[in-house]
Protein backbone atom coordinates (compact mmCIF):
# COMPACT_ATOMS: atom_id res chain seq x y z
CA MET A 1 -0.04 -0.01 0.09
CA ALA A 2 1.42 3.41 -0.77
CA ILE A 3 0.06 7.02 -0.38
CA GLN A 4 1.68 10.12 -1.70
CA LEU A 5 2.41 12.95 1.00
CA THR A 6 3.63 16.41 0.27
CA PRO A 7 6.14 17.90 2.83
CA THR A 8 4.69 20.79 4.75
CA LYS A 9 7.24 23.65 5.60
CA ILE A 10 7.10 25.23 9.04
CA LYS A 11 9.67 27.70 10.20
CA GLY A 12 12.24 26.36 7.67
CA SER A 13 11.78 22.71 8.64
CA LYS A 14 9.84 20.16 6.60
CA TYR A 15 7.32 17.74 7.89
CA LEU A 16 5.38 14.88 6.70
CA LEU A 17 1.76 15.11 8.13
CA ILE A 18 -0.11 11.97 8.66
CA PRO A 19 -3.67 12.09 7.52
CA LYS A 20 -6.23 11.69 10.44
CA ASP A 21 -7.85 8.56 8.81
CA LEU A 22 -4.43 6.87 8.44
CA ALA A 23 -3.37 7.78 12.05
CA ARG A 24 -6.62 6.31 13.27
CA LEU A 25 -6.20 3.16 11.27
CA LEU A 26 -2.67 2.59 12.40
CA GLU A 27 -3.68 3.61 16.01
CA ILE A 28 -1.20 6.39 16.29
CA GLU A 29 -1.90 8.34 19.40
CA ASP A 30 -0.24 11.22 21.16
CA LYS A 31 1.75 8.79 23.28
CA SER A 32 3.01 6.96 20.26
CA ILE A 33 6.63 7.00 19.24
CA LEU A 34 7.62 6.78 15.53
CA ASN A 35 11.11 5.60 14.74
CA LEU A 36 12.43 6.52 11.30
CA THR A 37 14.85 4.30 9.26
CA ILE A 38 16.16 5.41 6.01
CA GLU A 39 16.81 2.51 3.57
CA GLU A 40 18.43 2.51 0.16
CA SER A 41 16.53 0.96 -2.65
CA GLU A 42 16.95 0.56 -6.34
CA THR A 43 14.77 3.70 -6.98
CA GLY A 44 16.27 5.92 -4.26
CA GLN A 45 15.87 6.23 -0.41
CA ARG A 46 12.79 4.79 1.35
CA LEU A 47 11.66 6.11 4.70
CA VAL A 48 10.36 3.31 6.89
CA TYR A 49 8.54 4.20 10.18
CA SER A 50 8.00 1.87 13.04
CA ILE A 51 5.35 2.81 15.56
CA ARG A 52 5.40 1.86 19.34
CA GLU A 53 3.68 3.23 22.44
CA ARG A 54 5.63 5.19 24.80
CA THR A 55 6.25 3.30 28.05
CA HIS A 56 5.27 5.16 31.17
CA HIS A 57 7.82 5.55 33.71
CA PRO A 58 6.94 5.85 37.35
CA ALA A 59 8.85 9.14 37.82
CA GLU A 60 6.82 10.74 34.95
CA SER A 61 3.69 12.61 35.79
């Protein structure tokens, strides 16, 4: 499955915004952590995200 995203520029930085429906489908919450890996492929670079929930530490409030 592939979707096309256009980077959004905010204060000189570029961001890839996740559409609400896709975030809901993937269960991405405010507490989620996304790790980005950049892989080389025959057609260029590929951005691969993995999603995990942030673990709550007892010292955090």
